[in-house]
Amino acid sequence: MSVFGSDNRMTYSPYVRPACNLRGDKTVLVDAKIHDIEPLAYNFLRNFAKDNDLQVETLPDSYFD
C-alpha cells in the first residue's frame, strides 16, 4: 500500500498509513473506506493480518477525518 516516488521517498495510500500506539508498538492504520473503494486491497490486508497472526482493532469512523 506504498510506493517509492521519483524522489526515492515512500508514499502511502491515503487509506493506509504507518503509525504507533501509546505503548510504542508499530501499527498500520487502515481506513475502512478502502473496503468500498478497492475491495481486493481490503481483502489482501485482512488476509495478511490473519496469516501473520496480527492483532486487528476497529477505530471510530471519524479517526481518519
PDB file of N, CA and C in Angstrom:
ATOM      1  N   MET A   1       0.824  -1.175   0.000  1.00  0.00           N
ATOM      2  CA  MET A   1       0.000   0.000   0.000  1.00  0.00           C
ATOM      3  C   MET A   1       0.876   1.248   0.000  1.00  0.00           C
ATOM      4  N   SER A   2       2.130   1.092  -0.426  1.00  0.00           N
ATOM      5  CA  SER A   2       3.042   2.221  -0.541  1.00  0.00           C
ATOM      6  C   SER A   2       3.930   2.018  -1.756  1.00  0.00           C
ATOM      7  N   VAL A   3       4.485   3.116  -2.227  1.00  0.00           N
ATOM      8  CA  VAL A   3       5.392   3.075  -3.377  1.00  0.00           C
ATOM      9  C   VAL A   3       6.525   4.071  -3.133  1.00  0.00           C
ATOM     10  N   PHE A   4       7.638   3.838  -3.802  1.00  0.00           N
ATOM     11  CA  PHE A   4       8.722   4.814  -3.779  1.00  0.00           C
ATOM     12  C   PHE A   4       8.522   5.756  -4.948  1.00  0.00           C
ATOM     13  N   GLY A   5       8.556   7.052  -4.669  1.00  0.00           N
ATOM     14  CA  GLY A   5       8.396   8.057  -5.700  1.00  0.00           C
ATOM     15  C   GLY A   5       9.708   8.348  -6.402  1.00  0.00           C
ATOM     16  N   SER A   6       9.676   9.252  -7.367  1.00  0.00           N
ATOM     17  CA  SER A   6      10.881   9.614  -8.125  1.00  0.00           C
ATOM     18  C   SER A   6      11.929  10.263  -7.224  1.00  0.00           C
ATOM     19  N   ASP A   7      11.502  10.781  -6.068  1.00  0.00           N
ATOM     20  CA  ASP A   7      12.436  11.386  -5.116  1.00  0.00           C
ATOM     21  C   ASP A   7      12.979  10.366  -4.112  1.00  0.00           C
ATOM     22  N   ASN A   8      12.715   9.075  -4.371  1.00  0.00           N
ATOM     23  CA  ASN A   8      13.151   7.967  -3.518  1.00  0.00           C
ATOM     24  C   ASN A   8      12.560   8.011  -2.114  1.00  0.00           C
ATOM     25  N   ARG A   9      11.418   8.671  -1.969  1.00  0.00           N
ATOM     26  CA  ARG A   9      10.709   8.697  -0.692  1.00  0.00           C
ATOM     27  C   ARG A   9       9.470   7.828  -0.805  1.00  0.00           C
ATOM     28  N   MET A  10       9.133   7.165   0.296  1.00  0.00           N
ATOM     29  CA  MET A  10       7.974   6.288   0.294  1.00  0.00           C
ATOM     30  C   MET A  10       6.702   7.129   0.414  1.00  0.00           C
ATOM     31  N   THR A  11       5.739   6.813  -0.438  1.00  0.00           N
ATOM     32  CA  THR A  11       4.444   7.475  -0.423  1.00  0.00           C
ATOM     33  C   THR A  11       3.389   6.420  -0.125  1.00  0.00           C
ATOM     34  N   TYR A  12       2.492   6.749   0.797  1.00  0.00           N
ATOM     35  CA  TYR A  12       1.474   5.790   1.221  1.00  0.00           C
ATOM     36  C   TYR A  12       0.120   6.123   0.613  1.00  0.00           C
ATOM     37  N   SER A  13      -0.699   5.099   0.482  1.00  0.00           N
ATOM     38  CA  SER A  13      -2.083   5.275   0.078  1.00  0.00           C
ATOM     39  C   SER A  13      -2.754   6.205   1.089  1.00  0.00           C
ATOM     40  N   PRO A  14      -3.709   7.029   0.645  1.00  0.00           N
ATOM     41  CA  PRO A  14      -4.412   7.885   1.598  1.00  0.00           C
ATOM     42  C   PRO A  14      -5.280   7.076   2.568  1.00  0.00           C
ATOM     43  N   TYR A  15      -5.448   5.791   2.327  1.00  0.00           N
ATOM     44  CA  TYR A  15      -6.284   4.940   3.162  1.00  0.00           C
ATOM     45  C   TYR A  15      -5.489   4.015   4.081  1.00  0.00           C
ATOM     46  N   VAL A  16      -4.173   4.033   3.951  1.00  0.00           N
ATOM     47  CA  VAL A  16      -3.309   3.170   4.759  1.00  0.00           C
ATOM     48  C   VAL A  16      -2.088   3.988   5.159  1.00  0.00           C
ATOM     49  N   ARG A  17      -1.761   3.956   6.459  1.00  0.00           N
ATOM     50  CA  ARG A  17      -0.577   4.711   6.873  1.00  0.00           C
ATOM     51  C   ARG A  17       0.062   4.059   8.098  1.00  0.00           C
ATOM     52  N   PRO A  18       1.388   4.189   8.207  1.00  0.00           N
ATOM     53  CA  PRO A  18       2.083   3.642   9.367  1.00  0.00           C
ATOM     54  C   PRO A  18       1.824   4.530  10.584  1.00  0.00           C
ATOM     55  N   ALA A  19       1.907   3.937  11.750  1.00  0.00           N
ATOM     56  CA  ALA A  19       1.706   4.677  12.999  1.00  0.00           C
ATOM     57  C   ALA A  19       2.305   3.870  14.133  1.00  0.00           C
ATOM     58  N   CYS A  20       2.067   4.315  15.350  1.00  0.00           N
ATOM     59  CA  CYS A  20       2.418   3.537  16.528  1.00  0.00           C
ATOM     60  C   CYS A  20       1.384   3.824  17.607  1.00  0.00           C
ATOM     61  N   ASN A  21       1.226   2.870  18.511  1.00  0.00           N
ATOM     62  CA  ASN A  21       0.249   3.062  19.586  1.00  0.00           C
ATOM     63  C   ASN A  21       0.936   3.714  20.781  1.00  0.00           C
ATOM     64  N   LEU A  22       0.195   3.894  21.856  1.00  0.00           N
ATOM     65  CA  LEU A  22       0.734   4.571  23.033  1.00  0.00           C
ATOM     66  C   LEU A  22       1.866   3.792  23.704  1.00  0.00           C
ATOM     67  N   ARG A  23       1.905   2.478  23.475  1.00  0.00           N
ATOM     68  CA  ARG A  23       2.990   1.656  24.022  1.00  0.00           C
ATOM     69  C   ARG A  23       4.249   1.725  23.161  1.00  0.00           C
ATOM     70  N   GLY A  24       4.126   2.347  21.974  1.00  0.00           N
ATOM     71  CA  GLY A  24       5.264   2.432  21.064  1.00  0.00           C
ATOM     72  C   GLY A  24       5.323   1.292  20.071  1.00  0.00           C
ATOM     73  N   ASP A  25       4.309   0.415  20.060  1.00  0.00           N
ATOM     74  CA  ASP A  25       4.265  -0.684  19.095  1.00  0.00           C
ATOM     75  C   ASP A  25       3.993  -0.130  17.704  1.00  0.00           C
ATOM     76  N   LYS A  26       4.680  -0.659  16.716  1.00  0.00           N
ATOM     77  CA  LYS A  26       4.437  -0.249  15.335  1.00  0.00           C
ATOM     78  C   LYS A  26       3.080  -0.775  14.890  1.00  0.00           C
ATOM     79  N   THR A  27       2.324   0.067  14.198  1.00  0.00           N
ATOM     80  CA  THR A  27       0.998  -0.301  13.722  1.00  0.00           C
ATOM     81  C   THR A  27       0.801   0.192  12.298  1.00  0.00           C
ATOM     82  N   VAL A  28      -0.263  -0.272  11.683  1.00  0.00           N
ATOM     83  CA  VAL A  28      -0.697   0.228  10.384  1.00  0.00           C
ATOM     84  C   VAL A  28      -2.170   0.588  10.527  1.00  0.00           C
ATOM     85  N   LEU A  29      -2.514   1.809  10.169  1.00  0.00           N
ATOM     86  CA  LEU A  29      -3.902   2.255  10.213  1.00  0.00           C
ATOM     87  C   LEU A  29      -4.511   2.098   8.830  1.00  0.00           C
ATOM     88  N   VAL A  30      -5.656   1.451   8.775  1.00  0.00           N
ATOM     89  CA  VAL A  30      -6.345   1.213   7.510  1.00  0.00           C
ATOM     90  C   VAL A  30      -7.735   1.831   7.609  1.00  0.00           C
ATOM     91  N   ASP A  31      -8.019   2.766   6.727  1.00  0.00           N
ATOM     92  CA  ASP A  31      -9.344   3.387   6.691  1.00  0.00           C
ATOM     93  C   ASP A  31     -10.322   2.381   6.088  1.00  0.00           C
ATOM     94  N   ALA A  32     -11.434   2.135   6.772  1.00  0.00           N
ATOM     95  CA  ALA A  32     -12.423   1.164   6.306  1.00  0.00           C
ATOM     96  C   ALA A  32     -13.031   1.550   4.958  1.00  0.00           C
ATOM     97  N   LYS A  33     -12.896   2.806   4.547  1.00  0.00           N
ATOM     98  CA  LYS A  33     -13.411   3.231   3.236  1.00  0.00           C
ATOM     99  C   LYS A  33     -12.775   2.439   2.101  1.00  0.00           C
ATOM    100  N   ILE A  34     -11.569   1.918   2.346  1.00  0.00           N
ATOM    101  CA  ILE A  34     -10.890   1.141   1.308  1.00  0.00           C
ATOM    102  C   ILE A  34     -11.710  -0.089   0.921  1.00  0.00           C
ATOM    103  N   HIS A  35     -12.534  -0.579   1.841  1.00  0.00           N
ATOM    104  CA  HIS A  35     -13.389  -1.730   1.541  1.00  0.00           C
ATOM    105  C   HIS A  35     -14.325  -1.428   0.377  1.00  0.00           C
ATOM    106  N   ASP A  36     -14.894  -0.235   0.349  1.00  0.00           N
ATOM    107  CA  ASP A  36     -15.817   0.144  -0.724  1.00  0.00           C
ATOM    108  C   ASP A  36     -15.097   0.592  -1.985  1.00  0.00           C
ATOM    109  N   ILE A  37     -13.920   1.193  -1.822  1.00  0.00           N
ATOM    110  CA  ILE A  37     -13.180   1.735  -2.964  1.00  0.00           C
ATOM    111  C   ILE A  37     -12.398   0.654  -3.693  1.00  0.00           C
ATOM    112  N   GLU A  38     -11.728  -0.203  -2.928  1.00  0.00           N
ATOM    113  CA  GLU A  38     -10.892  -1.255  -3.511  1.00  0.00           C
ATOM    114  C   GLU A  38     -10.993  -2.524  -2.678  1.00  0.00           C
ATOM    115  N   PRO A  39     -12.072  -3.295  -2.885  1.00  0.00           N
ATOM    116  CA  PRO A  39     -12.297  -4.497  -2.073  1.00  0.00           C
ATOM    117  C   PRO A  39     -11.142  -5.499  -2.097  1.00  0.00           C
ATOM    118  N   LEU A  40     -10.454  -5.636  -3.223  1.00  0.00           N
ATOM    119  CA  LEU A  40      -9.347  -6.594  -3.288  1.00  0.00           C
ATOM    120  C   LEU A  40      -8.205  -6.175  -2.362  1.00  0.00           C
ATOM    121  N   ALA A  41      -7.911  -4.890  -2.294  1.00  0.00           N
ATOM    122  CA  ALA A  41      -6.864  -4.399  -1.396  1.00  0.00           C
ATOM    123  C   ALA A  41      -7.273  -4.626   0.050  1.00  0.00           C
ATOM    124  N   TYR A  42      -8.537  -4.356   0.364  1.00  0.00           N
ATOM    125  CA  TYR A  42      -9.045  -4.581   1.714  1.00  0.00           C
ATOM    126  C   TYR A  42      -8.904  -6.055   2.100  1.00  0.00           C
ATOM    127  N   ASN A  43      -9.324  -6.942   1.215  1.00  0.00           N
ATOM    128  CA  ASN A  43      -9.227  -8.383   1.488  1.00  0.00           C
ATOM    129  C   ASN A  43      -7.775  -8.819   1.643  1.00  0.00           C
ATOM    130  N   PHE A  44      -6.887  -8.261   0.833  1.00  0.00           N
ATOM    131  CA  PHE A  44      -5.468  -8.562   0.955  1.00  0.00           C
ATOM    132  C   PHE A  44      -4.963  -8.183   2.348  1.00  0.00           C
ATOM    133  N   LEU A  45      -5.311  -6.982   2.805  1.00  0.00           N
ATOM    134  CA  LEU A  45      -4.858  -6.522   4.118  1.00  0.00           C
ATOM    135  C   LEU A  45      -5.411  -7.391   5.239  1.00  0.00           C
ATOM    136  N   ARG A  46      -6.688  -7.731   5.156  1.00  0.00           N
ATOM    137  CA  ARG A  46      -7.295  -8.586   6.189  1.00  0.00           C
ATOM    138  C   ARG A  46      -6.632  -9.968   6.212  1.00  0.00           C
ATOM    139  N   ASN A  47      -6.421 -10.543   5.041  1.00  0.00           N
ATOM    140  CA  ASN A  47      -5.790 -11.863   4.971  1.00  0.00           C
ATOM    141  C   ASN A  47      -4.334 -11.815   5.424  1.00  0.00           C
ATOM    142  N   PHE A  48      -3.629 -10.733   5.091  1.00  0.00           N
ATOM    143  CA  PHE A  48      -2.243 -10.580   5.535  1.00  0.00           C
ATOM    144  C   PHE A  48      -2.192 -10.554   7.061  1.00  0.00           C
ATOM    145  N   ALA A  49      -3.078  -9.794   7.675  1.00  0.00           N
ATOM    146  CA  ALA A  49      -3.126  -9.724   9.134  1.00  0.00           C
ATOM    147  C   ALA A  49      -3.443 -11.089   9.736  1.00  0.00           C
ATOM    148  N   LYS A  50      -4.403 -11.780   9.152  1.00  0.00           N
ATOM    149  CA  LYS A  50      -4.794 -13.102   9.654  1.00  0.00           C
ATOM    150  C   LYS A  50      -3.652 -14.107   9.495  1.00  0.00           C
ATOM    151  N   ASP A  51      -3.049 -14.147   8.313  1.00  0.00           N
ATOM    152  CA  ASP A  51      -1.977 -15.106   8.037  1.00  0.00           C
ATOM    153  C   ASP A  51      -0.762 -14.891   8.934  1.00  0.00           C
ATOM    154  N   ASN A  52      -0.558 -13.656   9.380  1.00  0.00           N
ATOM    155  CA  ASN A  52       0.608 -13.328  10.198  1.00  0.00           C
ATOM    156  C   ASN A  52       0.263 -13.127  11.670  1.00  0.00           C
ATOM    157  N   ASP A  53      -0.938 -13.594  12.050  1.00  0.00           N
ATOM    158  CA  ASP A  53      -1.388 -13.509  13.446  1.00  0.00           C
ATOM    159  C   ASP A  53      -1.251 -12.107  14.022  1.00  0.00           C
ATOM    160  N   LEU A  54      -1.621 -11.096  13.214  1.00  0.00           N
ATOM    161  CA  LEU A  54      -1.551  -9.714  13.662  1.00  0.00           C
ATOM    162  C   LEU A  54      -2.861  -9.315  14.335  1.00  0.00           C
ATOM    163  N   GLN A  55      -2.757  -8.492  15.332  1.00  0.00           N
ATOM    164  CA  GLN A  55      -3.940  -8.011  16.048  1.00  0.00           C
ATOM    165  C   GLN A  55      -4.657  -6.974  15.195  1.00  0.00           C
ATOM    166  N   VAL A  56      -5.981  -7.063  15.116  1.00  0.00           N
ATOM    167  CA  VAL A  56      -6.799  -6.122  14.354  1.00  0.00           C
ATOM    168  C   VAL A  56      -7.773  -5.456  15.320  1.00  0.00           C
ATOM    169  N   GLU A  57      -7.792  -4.139  15.309  1.00  0.00           N
ATOM    170  CA  GLU A  57      -8.703  -3.373  16.150  1.00  0.00           C
ATOM    171  C   GLU A  57      -9.518  -2.440  15.272  1.00  0.00           C
ATOM    172  N   THR A  58     -10.730  -2.159  15.691  1.00  0.00           N
ATOM    173  CA  THR A  58     -11.597  -1.237  14.972  1.00  0.00           C
ATOM    174  C   THR A  58     -11.594   0.107  15.693  1.00  0.00           C
ATOM    175  N   LEU A  59     -11.385   1.173  14.920  1.00  0.00           N
ATOM    176  CA  LEU A  59     -11.381   2.527  15.473  1.00  0.00           C
ATOM    177  C   LEU A  59     -12.648   3.251  15.023  1.00  0.00           C
ATOM    178  N   PRO A  60     -12.988   4.351  15.669  1.00  0.00           N
ATOM    179  CA  PRO A  60     -14.158   5.125  15.244  1.00  0.00           C
ATOM    180  C   PRO A  60     -14.028   5.592  13.803  1.00  0.00           C
ATOM    181  N   ASP A  61     -15.164   5.707  13.106  1.00  0.00           N
ATOM    182  CA  ASP A  61     -15.165   6.158  11.706  1.00  0.00           C
ATOM    183  C   ASP A  61     -14.491   7.509  11.523  1.00  0.00           C
ATOM    184  N   SER A  62     -14.570   8.365  12.512  1.00  0.00           N
ATOM    185  CA  SER A  62     -14.029   9.718  12.391  1.00  0.00           C
ATOM    186  C   SER A  62     -12.516   9.775  12.544  1.00  0.00           C
ATOM    187  N   TYR A  63     -11.854   8.652  12.796  1.00  0.00           N
ATOM    188  CA  TYR A  63     -10.421   8.645  13.068  1.00  0.00           C
ATOM    189  C   TYR A  63      -9.610   9.200  11.894  1.00  0.00           C
ATOM    190  N   PHE A  64     -10.011   8.927  10.663  1.00  0.00           N
ATOM    191  CA  PHE A  64      -9.263   9.377   9.501  1.00  0.00           C
ATOM    192  C   PHE A  64      -9.691  10.763   9.014  1.00  0.00           C
ATOM    193  N   ASP A  65     -10.768  11.302   9.544  1.00  0.00           N
ATOM    194  CA  ASP A  65     -11.245  12.615   9.081  1.00  0.00           C
ATOM    195  C   ASP A  65     -10.391  13.740   9.600  1.00  0.00           C
TER     196      ASP A  65
END
